Amino acid sequence: MDDKLVTIRVFSDNTQAHIAQGLLEDNGVKCVLNNEIMSSVYPLTFTSIGGIKLLVNCDSVEIAEKILNTTNF
């Protein structure tokens, strides 16, 4: 098992990021959000630093993509 995390989505909206995270976790896919706090600290320049990244283990990319694509994320 590889522990490398892979970014599968980038969000500019905190709410959408949390919905996607919850959807994956409800389906047994462990994931984390990166840059989440930065969206609150620097809201005006946030998109220039990369957005909120949804990361999953590289072994879970295929199933995570399938789940998110099925729900139009």
PDB file of N, CA and C in Angstrom:
ATOM      1  N   MET A   1       0.847  -1.186   0.000  1.00  0.00           N
ATOM      2  CA  MET A   1       0.000   0.000   0.000  1.00  0.00           C
ATOM      3  C   MET A   1       0.886   1.241   0.000  1.00  0.00           C
ATOM      4  N   ASP A   2       0.623   2.150  -0.919  1.00  0.00           N
ATOM      5  CA  ASP A   2       1.370   3.393  -1.036  1.00  0.00           C
ATOM      6  C   ASP A   2       0.652   4.481  -0.252  1.00  0.00           C
ATOM      7  N   ASP A   3       1.392   5.242   0.551  1.00  0.00           N
ATOM      8  CA  ASP A   3       0.800   6.287   1.372  1.00  0.00           C
ATOM      9  C   ASP A   3       0.849   7.658   0.718  1.00  0.00           C
ATOM     10  N   LYS A   4       1.144   7.716  -0.551  1.00  0.00           N
ATOM     11  CA  LYS A   4       1.226   8.997  -1.233  1.00  0.00           C
ATOM     12  C   LYS A   4      -0.178   9.568  -1.442  1.00  0.00           C
ATOM     13  N   LEU A   5      -0.349  10.858  -1.113  1.00  0.00           N
ATOM     14  CA  LEU A   5      -1.628  11.530  -1.319  1.00  0.00           C
ATOM     15  C   LEU A   5      -1.638  12.202  -2.683  1.00  0.00           C
ATOM     16  N   VAL A   6      -2.800  12.158  -3.318  1.00  0.00           N
ATOM     17  CA  VAL A   6      -2.976  12.707  -4.655  1.00  0.00           C
ATOM     18  C   VAL A   6      -4.148  13.686  -4.630  1.00  0.00           C
ATOM     19  N   THR A   7      -3.959  14.847  -5.241  1.00  0.00           N
ATOM     20  CA  THR A   7      -5.045  15.816  -5.358  1.00  0.00           C
ATOM     21  C   THR A   7      -5.982  15.364  -6.462  1.00  0.00           C
ATOM     22  N   ILE A   8      -7.270  15.206  -6.112  1.00  0.00           N
ATOM     23  CA  ILE A   8      -8.226  14.783  -7.138  1.00  0.00           C
ATOM     24  C   ILE A   8      -9.221  15.885  -7.511  1.00  0.00           C
ATOM     25  N   ARG A   9      -9.358  16.885  -6.650  1.00  0.00           N
ATOM     26  CA  ARG A   9     -10.218  18.032  -6.951  1.00  0.00           C
ATOM     27  C   ARG A   9      -9.654  19.266  -6.256  1.00  0.00           C
ATOM     28  N   VAL A  10      -9.936  20.420  -6.828  1.00  0.00           N
ATOM     29  CA  VAL A  10      -9.579  21.696  -6.208  1.00  0.00           C
ATOM     30  C   VAL A  10     -10.845  22.550  -6.193  1.00  0.00           C
ATOM     31  N   PHE A  11     -11.156  23.081  -5.030  1.00  0.00           N
ATOM     32  CA  PHE A  11     -12.365  23.879  -4.845  1.00  0.00           C
ATOM     33  C   PHE A  11     -12.021  25.303  -4.453  1.00  0.00           C
ATOM     34  N   SER A  12     -12.840  26.238  -4.868  1.00  0.00           N
ATOM     35  CA  SER A  12     -12.690  27.621  -4.427  1.00  0.00           C
ATOM     36  C   SER A  12     -13.694  27.914  -3.316  1.00  0.00           C
ATOM     37  N   ASP A  13     -14.563  26.960  -3.052  1.00  0.00           N
ATOM     38  CA  ASP A  13     -15.632  27.128  -2.072  1.00  0.00           C
ATOM     39  C   ASP A  13     -15.504  26.097  -0.955  1.00  0.00           C
ATOM     40  N   ASN A  14     -15.452  26.578   0.280  1.00  0.00           N
ATOM     41  CA  ASN A  14     -15.334  25.713   1.450  1.00  0.00           C
ATOM     42  C   ASN A  14     -16.470  24.699   1.548  1.00  0.00           C
ATOM     43  N   THR A  15     -17.676  25.148   1.270  1.00  0.00           N
ATOM     44  CA  THR A  15     -18.852  24.284   1.381  1.00  0.00           C
ATOM     45  C   THR A  15     -18.769  23.112   0.417  1.00  0.00           C
ATOM     46  N   GLN A  16     -18.439  23.390  -0.834  1.00  0.00           N
ATOM     47  CA  GLN A  16     -18.330  22.322  -1.830  1.00  0.00           C
ATOM     48  C   GLN A  16     -17.239  21.329  -1.458  1.00  0.00           C
ATOM     49  N   ALA A  17     -16.140  21.839  -0.935  1.00  0.00           N
ATOM     50  CA  ALA A  17     -15.042  20.959  -0.519  1.00  0.00           C
ATOM     51  C   ALA A  17     -15.488  20.012   0.584  1.00  0.00           C
ATOM     52  N   HIS A  18     -16.234  20.528   1.546  1.00  0.00           N
ATOM     53  CA  HIS A  18     -16.700  19.686   2.651  1.00  0.00           C
ATOM     54  C   HIS A  18     -17.763  18.677   2.206  1.00  0.00           C
ATOM     55  N   ILE A  19     -18.592  19.073   1.271  1.00  0.00           N
ATOM     56  CA  ILE A  19     -19.590  18.129   0.740  1.00  0.00           C
ATOM     57  C   ILE A  19     -18.886  16.968   0.047  1.00  0.00           C
ATOM     58  N   ALA A  20     -17.900  17.276  -0.777  1.00  0.00           N
ATOM     59  CA  ALA A  20     -17.146  16.224  -1.479  1.00  0.00           C
ATOM     60  C   ALA A  20     -16.414  15.331  -0.479  1.00  0.00           C
ATOM     61  N   GLN A  21     -15.800  15.937   0.527  1.00  0.00           N
ATOM     62  CA  GLN A  21     -15.101  15.161   1.551  1.00  0.00           C
ATOM     63  C   GLN A  21     -16.072  14.226   2.270  1.00  0.00           C
ATOM     64  N   GLY A  22     -17.223  14.741   2.657  1.00  0.00           N
ATOM     65  CA  GLY A  22     -18.222  13.925   3.343  1.00  0.00           C
ATOM     66  C   GLY A  22     -18.734  12.787   2.476  1.00  0.00           C
ATOM     67  N   LEU A  23     -18.932  13.070   1.211  1.00  0.00           N
ATOM     68  CA  LEU A  23     -19.392  12.046   0.276  1.00  0.00           C
ATOM     69  C   LEU A  23     -18.393  10.896   0.182  1.00  0.00           C
ATOM     70  N   LEU A  24     -17.125  11.239   0.056  1.00  0.00           N
ATOM     71  CA  LEU A  24     -16.098  10.197  -0.018  1.00  0.00           C
ATOM     72  C   LEU A  24     -16.008   9.417   1.291  1.00  0.00           C
ATOM     73  N   GLU A  25     -15.992  10.129   2.407  1.00  0.00           N
ATOM     74  CA  GLU A  25     -15.872   9.449   3.699  1.00  0.00           C
ATOM     75  C   GLU A  25     -17.083   8.566   3.990  1.00  0.00           C
ATOM     76  N   ASP A  26     -18.274   9.001   3.578  1.00  0.00           N
ATOM     77  CA  ASP A  26     -19.477   8.176   3.746  1.00  0.00           C
ATOM     78  C   ASP A  26     -19.389   6.879   2.944  1.00  0.00           C
ATOM     79  N   ASN A  27     -18.562   6.898   1.897  1.00  0.00           N
ATOM     80  CA  ASN A  27     -18.377   5.706   1.057  1.00  0.00           C
ATOM     81  C   ASN A  27     -17.081   4.979   1.376  1.00  0.00           C
ATOM     82  N   GLY A  28     -16.497   5.285   2.527  1.00  0.00           N
ATOM     83  CA  GLY A  28     -15.325   4.549   2.997  1.00  0.00           C
ATOM     84  C   GLY A  28     -13.988   4.986   2.429  1.00  0.00           C
ATOM     85  N   VAL A  29     -13.949   6.127   1.756  1.00  0.00           N
ATOM     86  CA  VAL A  29     -12.700   6.611   1.180  1.00  0.00           C
ATOM     87  C   VAL A  29     -12.125   7.685   2.107  1.00  0.00           C
ATOM     88  N   LYS A  30     -10.960   7.414   2.651  1.00  0.00           N
ATOM     89  CA  LYS A  30     -10.307   8.394   3.513  1.00  0.00           C
ATOM     90  C   LYS A  30      -9.744   9.520   2.660  1.00  0.00           C
ATOM     91  N   CYS A  31      -9.945  10.740   3.132  1.00  0.00           N
ATOM     92  CA  CYS A  31      -9.458  11.893   2.381  1.00  0.00           C
ATOM     93  C   CYS A  31      -9.189  13.050   3.330  1.00  0.00           C
ATOM     94  N   VAL A  32      -8.463  14.036   2.831  1.00  0.00           N
ATOM     95  CA  VAL A  32      -8.158  15.234   3.613  1.00  0.00           C
ATOM     96  C   VAL A  32      -8.309  16.463   2.719  1.00  0.00           C
ATOM     97  N   LEU A  33      -8.562  17.590   3.367  1.00  0.00           N
ATOM     98  CA  LEU A  33      -8.603  18.870   2.677  1.00  0.00           C
ATOM     99  C   LEU A  33      -7.338  19.637   3.019  1.00  0.00           C
ATOM    100  N   ASN A  34      -6.746  20.257   2.004  1.00  0.00           N
ATOM    101  CA  ASN A  34      -5.534  21.036   2.190  1.00  0.00           C
ATOM    102  C   ASN A  34      -5.828  22.476   1.777  1.00  0.00           C
ATOM    103  N   ASN A  35      -5.276  23.451   2.490  1.00  0.00           N
ATOM    104  CA  ASN A  35      -5.463  24.883   2.242  1.00  0.00           C
ATOM    105  C   ASN A  35      -6.815  25.386   2.711  1.00  0.00           C
ATOM    106  N   GLU A  36      -7.527  24.589   3.483  1.00  0.00           N
ATOM    107  CA  GLU A  36      -8.855  24.979   3.937  1.00  0.00           C
ATOM    108  C   GLU A  36      -8.818  26.256   4.780  1.00  0.00           C
ATOM    109  N   ILE A  37      -7.888  26.346   5.694  1.00  0.00           N
ATOM    110  CA  ILE A  37      -7.813  27.517   6.569  1.00  0.00           C
ATOM    111  C   ILE A  37      -7.390  28.755   5.789  1.00  0.00           C
ATOM    112  N   MET A  38      -6.573  28.567   4.787  1.00  0.00           N
ATOM    113  CA  MET A  38      -6.113  29.700   3.986  1.00  0.00           C
ATOM    114  C   MET A  38      -7.277  30.425   3.315  1.00  0.00           C
ATOM    115  N   SER A  39      -8.369  29.720   3.025  1.00  0.00           N
ATOM    116  CA  SER A  39      -9.520  30.359   2.390  1.00  0.00           C
ATOM    117  C   SER A  39     -10.172  31.365   3.324  1.00  0.00           C
ATOM    118  N   SER A  40     -10.044  31.167   4.628  1.00  0.00           N
ATOM    119  CA  SER A  40     -10.592  32.111   5.596  1.00  0.00           C
ATOM    120  C   SER A  40      -9.623  33.256   5.876  1.00  0.00           C
ATOM    121  N   VAL A  41      -8.343  32.950   5.892  1.00  0.00           N
ATOM    122  CA  VAL A  41      -7.333  33.939   6.236  1.00  0.00           C
ATOM    123  C   VAL A  41      -7.100  34.928   5.081  1.00  0.00           C
ATOM    124  N   TYR A  42      -7.062  34.413   3.863  1.00  0.00           N
ATOM    125  CA  TYR A  42      -6.794  35.247   2.685  1.00  0.00           C
ATOM    126  C   TYR A  42      -7.888  35.097   1.628  1.00  0.00           C
ATOM    127  N   PRO A  43      -9.122  35.496   1.937  1.00  0.00           N
ATOM    128  CA  PRO A  43     -10.220  35.239   0.994  1.00  0.00           C
ATOM    129  C   PRO A  43     -10.078  35.935  -0.357  1.00  0.00           C
ATOM    130  N   LEU A  44      -9.458  37.106  -0.407  1.00  0.00           N
ATOM    131  CA  LEU A  44      -9.360  37.833  -1.674  1.00  0.00           C
ATOM    132  C   LEU A  44      -8.293  37.282  -2.606  1.00  0.00           C
ATOM    133  N   THR A  45      -7.248  36.712  -2.048  1.00  0.00           N
ATOM    134  CA  THR A  45      -6.157  36.188  -2.883  1.00  0.00           C
ATOM    135  C   THR A  45      -6.113  34.664  -2.872  1.00  0.00           C
ATOM    136  N   PHE A  46      -7.136  34.053  -2.316  1.00  0.00           N
ATOM    137  CA  PHE A  46      -7.124  32.613  -2.106  1.00  0.00           C
ATOM    138  C   PHE A  46      -6.955  31.809  -3.390  1.00  0.00           C
ATOM    139  N   THR A  47      -7.665  32.171  -4.441  1.00  0.00           N
ATOM    140  CA  THR A  47      -7.573  31.369  -5.673  1.00  0.00           C
ATOM    141  C   THR A  47      -6.171  31.409  -6.272  1.00  0.00           C
ATOM    142  N   SER A  48      -5.423  32.470  -6.005  1.00  0.00           N
ATOM    143  CA  SER A  48      -4.062  32.547  -6.549  1.00  0.00           C
ATOM    144  C   SER A  48      -3.087  31.611  -5.832  1.00  0.00           C
ATOM    145  N   ILE A  49      -3.468  31.113  -4.632  1.00  0.00           N
ATOM    146  CA  ILE A  49      -2.582  30.174  -3.929  1.00  0.00           C
ATOM    147  C   ILE A  49      -3.033  28.730  -4.091  1.00  0.00           C
ATOM    148  N   GLY A  50      -4.003  28.494  -4.953  1.00  0.00           N
ATOM    149  CA  GLY A  50      -4.287  27.129  -5.327  1.00  0.00           C
ATOM    150  C   GLY A  50      -5.598  26.522  -4.904  1.00  0.00           C
ATOM    151  N   GLY A  51      -6.430  27.194  -4.150  1.00  0.00           N
ATOM    152  CA  GLY A  51      -7.723  26.649  -3.767  1.00  0.00           C
ATOM    153  C   GLY A  51      -7.635  25.579  -2.695  1.00  0.00           C
ATOM    154  N   ILE A  52      -8.787  25.028  -2.331  1.00  0.00           N
ATOM    155  CA  ILE A  52      -8.863  23.962  -1.337  1.00  0.00           C
ATOM    156  C   ILE A  52      -8.699  22.637  -2.077  1.00  0.00           C
ATOM    157  N   LYS A  53      -7.678  21.904  -1.723  1.00  0.00           N
ATOM    158  CA  LYS A  53      -7.373  20.649  -2.420  1.00  0.00           C
ATOM    159  C   LYS A  53      -7.953  19.464  -1.661  1.00  0.00           C
ATOM    160  N   LEU A  54      -8.628  18.593  -2.395  1.00  0.00           N
ATOM    161  CA  LEU A  54      -9.138  17.342  -1.859  1.00  0.00           C
ATOM    162  C   LEU A  54      -8.152  16.251  -2.228  1.00  0.00           C
ATOM    163  N   LEU A  55      -7.551  15.634  -1.215  1.00  0.00           N
ATOM    164  CA  LEU A  55      -6.516  14.625  -1.443  1.00  0.00           C
ATOM    165  C   LEU A  55      -6.967  13.260  -0.943  1.00  0.00           C
ATOM    166  N   VAL A  56      -6.623  12.232  -1.703  1.00  0.00           N
ATOM    167  CA  VAL A  56      -6.874  10.848  -1.309  1.00  0.00           C
ATOM    168  C   VAL A  56      -5.590  10.046  -1.498  1.00  0.00           C
ATOM    169  N   ASN A  57      -5.526   8.903  -0.863  1.00  0.00           N
ATOM    170  CA  ASN A  57      -4.404   7.989  -1.041  1.00  0.00           C
ATOM    171  C   ASN A  57      -4.369   7.561  -2.506  1.00  0.00           C
ATOM    172  N   CYS A  58      -3.184   7.420  -3.055  1.00  0.00           N
ATOM    173  CA  CYS A  58      -3.082   7.071  -4.477  1.00  0.00           C
ATOM    174  C   CYS A  58      -3.789   5.754  -4.810  1.00  0.00           C
ATOM    175  N   ASP A  59      -3.906   4.863  -3.830  1.00  0.00           N
ATOM    176  CA  ASP A  59      -4.614   3.598  -4.055  1.00  0.00           C
ATOM    177  C   ASP A  59      -6.128   3.784  -4.146  1.00  0.00           C
ATOM    178  N   SER A  60      -6.631   4.955  -3.732  1.00  0.00           N
ATOM    179  CA  SER A  60      -8.075   5.209  -3.705  1.00  0.00           C
ATOM    180  C   SER A  60      -8.552   6.146  -4.801  1.00  0.00           C
ATOM    181  N   VAL A  61      -7.649   6.585  -5.660  1.00  0.00           N
ATOM    182  CA  VAL A  61      -8.000   7.571  -6.683  1.00  0.00           C
ATOM    183  C   VAL A  61      -9.134   7.083  -7.577  1.00  0.00           C
ATOM    184  N   GLU A  62      -9.047   5.878  -8.056  1.00  0.00           N
ATOM    185  CA  GLU A  62     -10.045   5.368  -9.004  1.00  0.00           C
ATOM    186  C   GLU A  62     -11.442   5.347  -8.390  1.00  0.00           C
ATOM    187  N   ILE A  63     -11.585   4.817  -7.193  1.00  0.00           N
ATOM    188  CA  ILE A  63     -12.907   4.747  -6.561  1.00  0.00           C
ATOM    189  C   ILE A  63     -13.397   6.140  -6.178  1.00  0.00           C
ATOM    190  N   ALA A  64     -12.494   7.010  -5.726  1.00  0.00           N
ATOM    191  CA  ALA A  64     -12.893   8.379  -5.367  1.00  0.00           C
ATOM    192  C   ALA A  64     -13.397   9.126  -6.601  1.00  0.00           C
ATOM    193  N   GLU A  65     -12.690   8.989  -7.715  1.00  0.00           N
ATOM    194  CA  GLU A  65     -13.114   9.631  -8.953  1.00  0.00           C
ATOM    195  C   GLU A  65     -14.485   9.108  -9.386  1.00  0.00           C
ATOM    196  N   LYS A  66     -14.686   7.824  -9.279  1.00  0.00           N
ATOM    197  CA  LYS A  66     -15.958   7.220  -9.661  1.00  0.00           C
ATOM    198  C   LYS A  66     -17.093   7.798  -8.814  1.00  0.00           C
ATOM    199  N   ILE A  67     -16.873   7.892  -7.504  1.00  0.00           N
ATOM    200  CA  ILE A  67     -17.893   8.438  -6.596  1.00  0.00           C
ATOM    201  C   ILE A  67     -18.183   9.895  -6.931  1.00  0.00           C
ATOM    202  N   LEU A  68     -17.153  10.697  -7.090  1.00  0.00           N
ATOM    203  CA  LEU A  68     -17.367  12.114  -7.370  1.00  0.00           C
ATOM    204  C   LEU A  68     -17.957  12.350  -8.751  1.00  0.00           C
ATOM    205  N   ASN A  69     -17.551  11.580  -9.733  1.00  0.00           N
ATOM    206  CA  ASN A  69     -18.100  11.744 -11.089  1.00  0.00           C
ATOM    207  C   ASN A  69     -19.559  11.335 -11.150  1.00  0.00           C
ATOM    208  N   THR A  70     -19.940  10.338 -10.362  1.00  0.00           N
ATOM    209  CA  THR A  70     -21.333   9.894 -10.325  1.00  0.00           C
ATOM    210  C   THR A  70     -22.242  10.974  -9.756  1.00  0.00           C
ATOM    211  N   THR A  71     -21.690  11.799  -8.873  1.00  0.00           N
ATOM    212  CA  THR A  71     -22.493  12.855  -8.245  1.00  0.00           C
ATOM    213  C   THR A  71     -22.198  14.230  -8.832  1.00  0.00           C
ATOM    214  N   ASN A  72     -21.522  14.276  -9.972  1.00  0.00           N
ATOM    215  CA  ASN A  72     -21.231  15.517 -10.699  1.00  0.00           C
ATOM    216  C   ASN A  72     -20.345  16.493  -9.945  1.00  0.00           C
ATOM    217  N   PHE A  73     -19.362  16.004  -9.226  1.00  0.00           N
ATOM    218  CA  PHE A  73     -18.383  16.889  -8.582  1.00  0.00           C
ATOM    219  C   PHE A  73     -17.204  17.042  -9.488  1.00  0.00           C
TER     220      PHE A  73
END
